[in-house]
Amino acid sequence: MKLILPIPPTINHYYTRTNRGMFINQKGVSYRQLVNLVVKKEYPKHNTIDKPVKVKIDFYPPDKRKRDVDNVLKCLLDSLTKANVYRDDSLIIDLRIRKMEMIRNAGKIEVVVNGISETER
């Protein structure tokens, strides 16, 4: 499965703290909904993967600001889970992320998710 997605909110903008605890904020909820729509549009007959997977992420930033690639992971991987790409992100046994060249004022995330065979483990 290959998906092209907008850049997710960073971990710093994914949660909101209240006096009742930590919650996913509206940016995070909106991103999850968007990922779900993209998955359903691109792969309408997709079955949720229920075995170990490898995930490759190419991160194309929208500008030259310093960015930590790991800050995009939480929201992105949770959103793929909620979109039923895989049953749970604990199934990811091979995760690779690369920061690519900037795409001015746009940016994007390219995600490839593949099951792993017994011989690849």
Foldseek 3Di string as FASTA:
>chain_A
DKDKFFQAQFPVQQWDQDPVGIDGDPSLVVRLVVLLVRCCVVPVPDAQAEAAKEKEKEWAAQDDDDDDPVRRPPSVQVSCCSSRNHVHSVSYPHYYYDYDYHDHPTIIMMMDMDHDDPVRD
